[in-house]
Amino acid sequence: MVAQTTQGLLIRPKKTELHLNSGHNYQVMRVAQLGTGTPELAVVAGIHGDEPCGVRAIERLLDDRPPVERPVKLIVANEKALERRVRYVDEDLNRAFPGSPDATTHEGQLANRLVDELEGCLGFSMHSTQSHAEPFAIVNGLSDRATTLCPQLPVSAMVETSNFSDGRLFTAIETIEVECGLQGSETAAENADRLTRSFLTAVGALPGDTMARDLPIFRLTDVIRKHQAETYEVFVDNFSRVDPGNPFAAADGDAQVAEEPFYPVLMSPNGYRDVFGYAAEKVDVLQRPTAID
């Protein structure tokens, strides 16, 4: 199938196929491009099939066809999981990178294909969560690029996750991840659109200026596990300090109490099967540049 160009929008074949060793064929991912030339930027959505907010943002870009000053690749990743409205088909795609062409799982092969598709690009990957309504950024290390771009995004925090990054997309491809809001909400979809356009403006793909902001940085230090129970509760707010001696969560009424201070991140009663979320330390606050008279 030959690619078609329409008003600066390069449309690749809508879907590519993946052939698993089991003999099943799956529709893998949609790939499109804004602008012409070889992209060095890529926007990725649908890593998880139960997080449609980023897909909405990509579809809006394709509908609007904004003129771009740098070509941008647009990818809707896990089509099969999106069709089923499940997080994944066989395994968590964002724990499967770099993947392998010989993997026996859908996501294992898909990870390999996605890495090939993203080669040479800076990625921007959109997610949503059950734990926190305000958008925040997730990075693998505090690189100059991350500390320059993230304060230009409409996010409330930046989370450094290198202690817990195994298998994530940004271990294979330089990527800034964003949590856009509460999973399945209209607000998360609106945030995804705003975040994507802010990112594309910050990297010079869309015209205009961004608004820098002070941005706190948190580093994940530990996993907060939960045991099997009928009911779970969380008593604290994400990104707010928990002092020693304070209860922060409970399973079937059995409270967990902080032994040392920490900041909860991605904490929710039911967001994960076997963990409440993560403990973090507050590392720094990136200050917005001061205007010079």
Protein backbone atom coordinates (compact mmCIF):
# COMPACT_ATOMS: atom_id res chain seq x y z
CA MET A 1 0.00 0.00 0.00
CA VAL A 2 1.41 3.37 -1.04
CA ALA A 3 1.52 6.20 1.48
CA GLN A 4 -0.59 9.23 0.64
CA THR A 5 0.16 12.87 1.44
CA THR A 6 -2.63 15.31 2.19
CA GLN A 7 -1.94 18.91 3.29
CA GLY A 8 1.27 17.96 5.08
CA LEU A 9 -0.19 14.80 6.64
CA LEU A 10 1.61 11.65 5.58
CA ILE A 11 -0.68 8.68 6.14
CA ARG A 12 1.05 5.33 6.45
CA PRO A 13 -0.85 2.06 6.00
CA LYS A 14 -3.42 2.25 8.79
CA LYS A 15 -2.32 -0.92 10.58
CA THR A 16 0.63 -3.28 10.53
CA GLU A 17 0.32 -6.99 11.21
CA LEU A 18 2.12 -9.16 13.74
CA HIS A 19 2.44 -12.90 13.24
CA LEU A 20 2.88 -14.79 16.50
CA ASN A 21 4.56 -18.17 16.67
CA SER A 22 1.15 -19.62 17.51
CA GLY A 23 0.05 -18.81 13.97
CA HIS A 24 -2.41 -16.06 14.98
CA ASN A 25 -2.32 -12.74 13.12
CA TYR A 26 -2.95 -9.57 15.14
CA GLN A 27 -3.48 -6.01 14.02
CA VAL A 28 -0.59 -4.33 15.79
CA MET A 29 -0.41 -0.56 15.58
CA ARG A 30 -1.50 2.45 13.63
CA VAL A 31 1.27 4.71 12.35
CA ALA A 32 0.78 8.14 10.79
CA GLN A 33 2.95 11.19 10.26
CA LEU A 34 2.46 14.95 10.36
CA GLY A 35 4.73 16.75 7.92
CA THR A 36 7.23 15.34 5.46
CA GLY A 37 10.75 14.07 5.92
CA THR A 38 12.25 11.68 8.44
CA PRO A 39 10.76 12.25 11.91
CA GLU A 40 12.94 12.68 14.97
CA LEU A 41 9.86 13.06 17.18
CA ALA A 42 7.16 10.51 17.96
CA VAL A 43 3.93 10.68 19.95
CA VAL A 44 2.83 7.29 21.30
CA ALA A 45 -0.57 6.31 22.69
CA GLY A 46 -2.28 3.06 23.57
CA ILE A 47 0.63 1.32 25.27
CA HIS A 48 -2.12 0.04 27.57
CA GLY A 49 -5.46 -0.86 26.08
CA ASP A 50 -7.49 0.48 29.01
CA GLU A 51 -5.96 3.97 28.70
CA PRO A 52 -7.62 5.59 25.65
CA CYS A 53 -6.86 9.23 26.45
CA GLY A 54 -3.74 9.41 24.28
CA VAL A 55 -5.52 7.78 21.37
CA ARG A 56 -8.06 10.60 21.50
CA ALA A 57 -5.24 13.16 21.39
CA ILE A 58 -3.67 11.54 18.33
CA GLU A 59 -7.01 11.29 16.55
CA ARG A 60 -7.62 14.98 17.21
CA LEU A 61 -4.24 15.86 15.72
CA LEU A 62 -5.10 13.82 12.65
CA ASP A 63 -8.46 15.57 12.39
CA ASP A 64 -6.96 19.07 12.83
CA ARG A 65 -3.86 18.53 10.66
CA PRO A 66 -1.90 21.42 12.19
CA PRO A 67 1.01 22.73 10.11
CA VAL A 68 4.26 21.47 11.62
CA GLU A 69 7.78 22.82 11.46
CA ARG A 70 9.32 19.41 12.16
CA PRO A 71 7.85 16.06 11.05
CA VAL A 72 6.17 14.03 13.80
CA LYS A 73 5.38 10.33 13.86
CA LEU A 74 2.08 9.37 15.55
CA ILE A 75 1.64 5.82 16.85
CA VAL A 76 -1.30 4.03 18.43
CA ALA A 77 0.52 1.04 19.86
CA ASN A 78 -1.47 -1.87 21.28
CA GLU A 79 -4.46 -2.05 18.97
CA LYS A 80 -5.47 -5.53 20.06
CA ALA A 81 -5.67 -4.54 23.74
CA LEU A 82 -7.53 -1.33 22.83
CA GLU A 83 -10.09 -3.33 20.87
CA ARG A 84 -10.63 -5.59 23.88
CA ARG A 85 -10.53 -2.66 26.34
CA VAL A 86 -8.00 -4.47 28.50
CA ARG A 87 -4.62 -3.35 29.80
CA TYR A 88 -2.79 -5.99 27.77
CA VAL A 89 -3.34 -9.21 25.83
CA ASP A 90 -0.58 -11.45 27.24
CA GLU A 91 1.75 -9.24 29.30
CA ASP A 92 2.21 -5.58 30.22
CA LEU A 93 3.68 -3.90 27.14
CA ASN A 94 5.41 -1.28 29.29
CA ARG A 95 7.32 -4.06 31.05
CA ALA A 96 8.19 -5.97 27.86
CA PHE A 97 10.81 -3.75 26.18
CA PRO A 98 13.00 -4.19 24.21
CA GLY A 99 11.01 -7.25 23.22
CA SER A 100 12.02 -9.86 20.68
CA PRO A 101 10.86 -10.91 17.20
CA ASP A 102 10.79 -14.46 18.58
CA ALA A 103 8.73 -13.67 21.68
CA THR A 104 5.80 -15.98 22.36
CA THR A 105 3.56 -13.16 23.61
CA HIS A 106 1.71 -10.50 21.66
CA GLU A 107 3.32 -7.68 23.66
CA GLY A 108 6.79 -9.24 23.47
CA GLN A 109 6.75 -9.10 19.69
CA LEU A 110 4.94 -5.76 19.65
CA ALA A 111 7.63 -4.21 21.88
CA ASN A 112 10.26 -5.23 19.36
CA ARG A 113 8.27 -3.76 16.46
CA LEU A 114 7.62 -0.54 18.35
CA VAL A 115 11.31 -0.08 19.15
CA ASP A 116 12.08 -0.47 15.44
CA GLU A 117 9.38 2.06 14.56
CA LEU A 118 10.73 4.58 17.10
CA GLU A 119 14.40 4.27 16.19
CA GLY A 120 16.02 7.71 15.99
CA CYS A 121 13.05 9.47 17.63
CA LEU A 122 12.48 11.25 20.91
CA GLY A 123 9.29 9.70 22.22
CA PHE A 124 6.34 11.22 24.07
CA SER A 125 4.15 8.50 25.55
CA MET A 126 0.72 9.10 27.11
CA HIS A 127 -0.84 7.13 29.96
CA SER A 128 -3.60 7.51 32.55
CA THR A 129 -3.97 6.30 36.12
CA GLN A 130 -6.47 5.43 38.83
CA SER A 131 -4.48 7.33 41.45
CA HIS A 132 -4.09 11.01 40.56
CA ALA A 133 -6.20 13.48 38.59
CA GLU A 134 -3.49 16.04 37.80
CA PRO A 135 -1.02 15.32 34.99
CA PHE A 136 2.60 14.56 35.85
CA ALA A 137 5.69 13.49 33.90
CA ILE A 138 7.71 10.30 34.33
CA VAL A 139 11.35 10.07 33.22
CA ASN A 140 14.19 7.59 33.33
CA GLY A 141 16.98 9.75 34.75
CA LEU A 142 17.30 13.51 35.05
CA SER A 143 18.78 14.26 31.65
CA ASP A 144 19.23 17.79 30.34
CA ARG A 145 16.46 17.12 27.82
CA ALA A 146 14.02 15.97 30.52
CA THR A 147 14.76 18.88 32.85
CA THR A 148 14.42 21.33 29.96
CA LEU A 149 11.21 19.97 28.42
CA CYS A 150 9.15 18.85 31.43
CA PRO A 151 8.85 22.33 33.03
CA GLN A 152 7.33 23.49 29.73
CA LEU A 153 4.52 20.93 29.99
CA PRO A 154 1.28 21.49 31.96
CA VAL A 155 2.27 18.95 34.64
CA SER A 156 2.34 19.23 38.43
CA ALA A 157 5.44 17.08 39.06
CA MET A 158 8.24 15.11 37.45
CA VAL A 159 8.92 11.57 38.71
CA GLU A 160 12.31 9.93 38.18
CA THR A 161 11.89 6.15 38.03
CA SER A 162 15.30 4.71 37.17
CA ASN A 163 15.18 2.39 40.21
CA PHE A 164 12.04 0.74 38.77
CA SER A 165 12.46 1.06 35.00
CA ASP A 166 13.00 -2.53 33.86
CA GLY A 167 11.09 -3.30 30.67
CA ARG A 168 9.67 0.19 30.18
CA LEU A 169 9.68 1.95 26.83
CA PHE A 170 12.16 4.59 27.95
CA THR A 171 14.82 1.94 28.64
CA ALA A 172 14.89 1.22 24.89
CA ILE A 173 13.99 4.62 23.37
CA GLU A 174 14.54 8.07 24.89
CA THR A 175 11.02 8.92 25.99
CA ILE A 176 9.12 11.28 28.25
CA GLU A 177 6.02 9.62 29.69
CA VAL A 178 3.06 11.57 31.01
CA GLU A 179 0.18 10.49 33.19
CA CYS A 180 -2.71 12.51 31.77
CA GLY A 181 -5.30 12.07 34.53
CA LEU A 182 -7.85 9.58 35.76
CA GLN A 183 -8.28 6.53 33.58
CA GLY A 184 -11.31 6.67 31.26
CA SER A 185 -12.20 10.28 32.10
CA GLU A 186 -12.99 13.01 29.61
CA THR A 187 -10.61 15.28 31.52
CA ALA A 188 -7.74 12.87 30.90
CA ALA A 189 -8.47 12.97 27.16
CA GLU A 190 -8.52 16.79 27.21
CA ASN A 191 -5.28 16.83 29.20
CA ALA A 192 -3.67 14.43 26.71
CA ASP A 193 -4.44 16.80 23.85
CA ARG A 194 -3.07 19.78 25.78
CA LEU A 195 0.06 17.89 26.86
CA THR A 196 0.78 16.65 23.36
CA ARG A 197 0.52 20.10 21.82
CA SER A 198 2.66 21.59 24.59
CA PHE A 199 5.32 18.95 23.97
CA LEU A 200 5.26 19.55 20.22
CA THR A 201 5.55 23.29 20.82
CA ALA A 202 8.44 22.84 23.27
CA VAL A 203 10.43 20.79 20.74
CA GLY A 204 9.74 23.20 17.88
CA ALA A 205 7.33 21.06 15.88
CA LEU A 206 4.35 23.39 16.44
CA PRO A 207 4.71 27.16 16.30
CA GLY A 208 4.28 29.25 19.43
CA ASP A 209 5.67 29.54 22.93
CA THR A 210 5.32 27.47 26.07
CA MET A 211 4.88 28.63 29.66
CA ALA A 212 7.62 27.38 32.01
CA ARG A 213 6.66 26.63 35.62
CA ASP A 214 8.31 25.61 38.87
CA LEU A 215 8.35 21.83 38.91
CA PRO A 216 9.02 19.54 41.88
CA ILE A 217 11.09 16.43 41.18
CA PHE A 218 10.47 13.13 42.97
CA ARG A 219 12.53 9.93 42.78
CA LEU A 220 10.93 6.54 43.40
CA THR A 221 12.67 4.70 46.25
CA ASP A 222 10.47 1.73 47.15
CA VAL A 223 7.38 -0.29 46.26
CA ILE A 224 4.51 -0.25 48.76
CA ARG A 225 3.11 -3.76 48.65
CA LYS A 226 -0.31 -5.00 49.75
CA HIS A 227 -1.39 -8.47 50.78
CA GLN A 228 -4.45 -10.29 49.50
CA ALA A 229 -7.62 -8.78 50.96
CA GLU A 230 -11.27 -8.03 50.23
CA THR A 231 -11.02 -4.26 50.69
CA TYR A 232 -8.23 -1.72 50.35
CA GLU A 233 -8.01 1.88 51.53
CA VAL A 234 -5.54 4.71 50.99
CA PHE A 235 -5.48 7.57 53.50
CA VAL A 236 -2.91 9.91 51.92
CA ASP A 237 -2.63 12.15 48.86
CA ASN A 238 -0.08 11.55 46.15
CA PHE A 239 2.94 13.88 46.25
CA SER A 240 2.11 15.00 49.82
CA ARG A 241 4.63 14.11 52.55
CA VAL A 242 3.75 11.27 54.92
CA ASP A 243 5.47 11.55 58.31
CA PRO A 244 6.62 8.62 60.46
CA GLY A 245 3.87 7.12 62.59
CA ASN A 246 1.07 8.10 60.23
CA PRO A 247 -1.15 5.37 58.72
CA PHE A 248 -1.18 5.62 54.93
CA ALA A 249 -3.13 2.56 53.72
CA ALA A 250 -5.04 -0.48 54.93
CA ALA A 251 -6.00 -3.95 53.71
CA ASP A 252 -9.18 -5.33 55.31
CA GLY A 253 -8.79 -2.69 58.00
CA ASP A 254 -5.20 -3.65 58.83
CA ALA A 255 -3.38 -0.32 58.65
CA GLN A 256 0.11 0.21 57.29
CA VAL A 257 2.03 2.88 59.19
CA ALA A 258 4.96 4.91 57.89
CA GLU A 259 8.27 4.04 59.54
CA GLU A 260 10.09 6.94 57.86
CA PRO A 261 9.00 9.97 55.85
CA PHE A 262 8.09 9.49 52.21
CA TYR A 263 6.04 10.94 49.38
CA PRO A 264 3.41 8.60 47.87
CA VAL A 265 3.33 8.30 44.08
CA LEU A 266 0.73 6.38 42.04
CA MET A 267 -0.93 5.33 45.30
CA SER A 268 -4.48 4.02 44.99
CA PRO A 269 -6.60 1.26 46.56
CA ASN A 270 -7.06 -0.77 43.39
CA GLY A 271 -4.74 0.58 40.71
CA TYR A 272 -2.39 -2.40 40.95
CA ARG A 273 -3.06 -6.01 41.84
CA ASP A 274 -0.34 -6.49 44.49
CA VAL A 275 0.96 -3.02 45.36
CA PHE A 276 -0.61 0.20 46.63
CA GLY A 277 1.92 2.29 44.74
CA TYR A 278 5.38 3.71 45.33
CA ALA A 279 7.32 5.63 47.96
CA ALA A 280 9.44 8.53 46.73
CA GLU A 281 11.82 11.18 47.99
CA LYS A 282 11.59 14.82 46.96
CA VAL A 283 14.80 15.60 45.11
CA ASP A 284 14.54 19.20 43.97
CA VAL A 285 12.32 21.90 42.52
CA LEU A 286 13.15 23.14 39.04
CA GLN A 287 12.73 26.89 39.10
CA ARG A 288 11.25 28.74 36.16
CA PRO A 289 13.70 31.17 34.53
CA THR A 290 13.63 34.66 36.05
CA ALA A 291 12.87 37.47 33.60
CA ILE A 292 15.69 39.95 33.10
CA ASP A 293 14.74 43.60 32.80
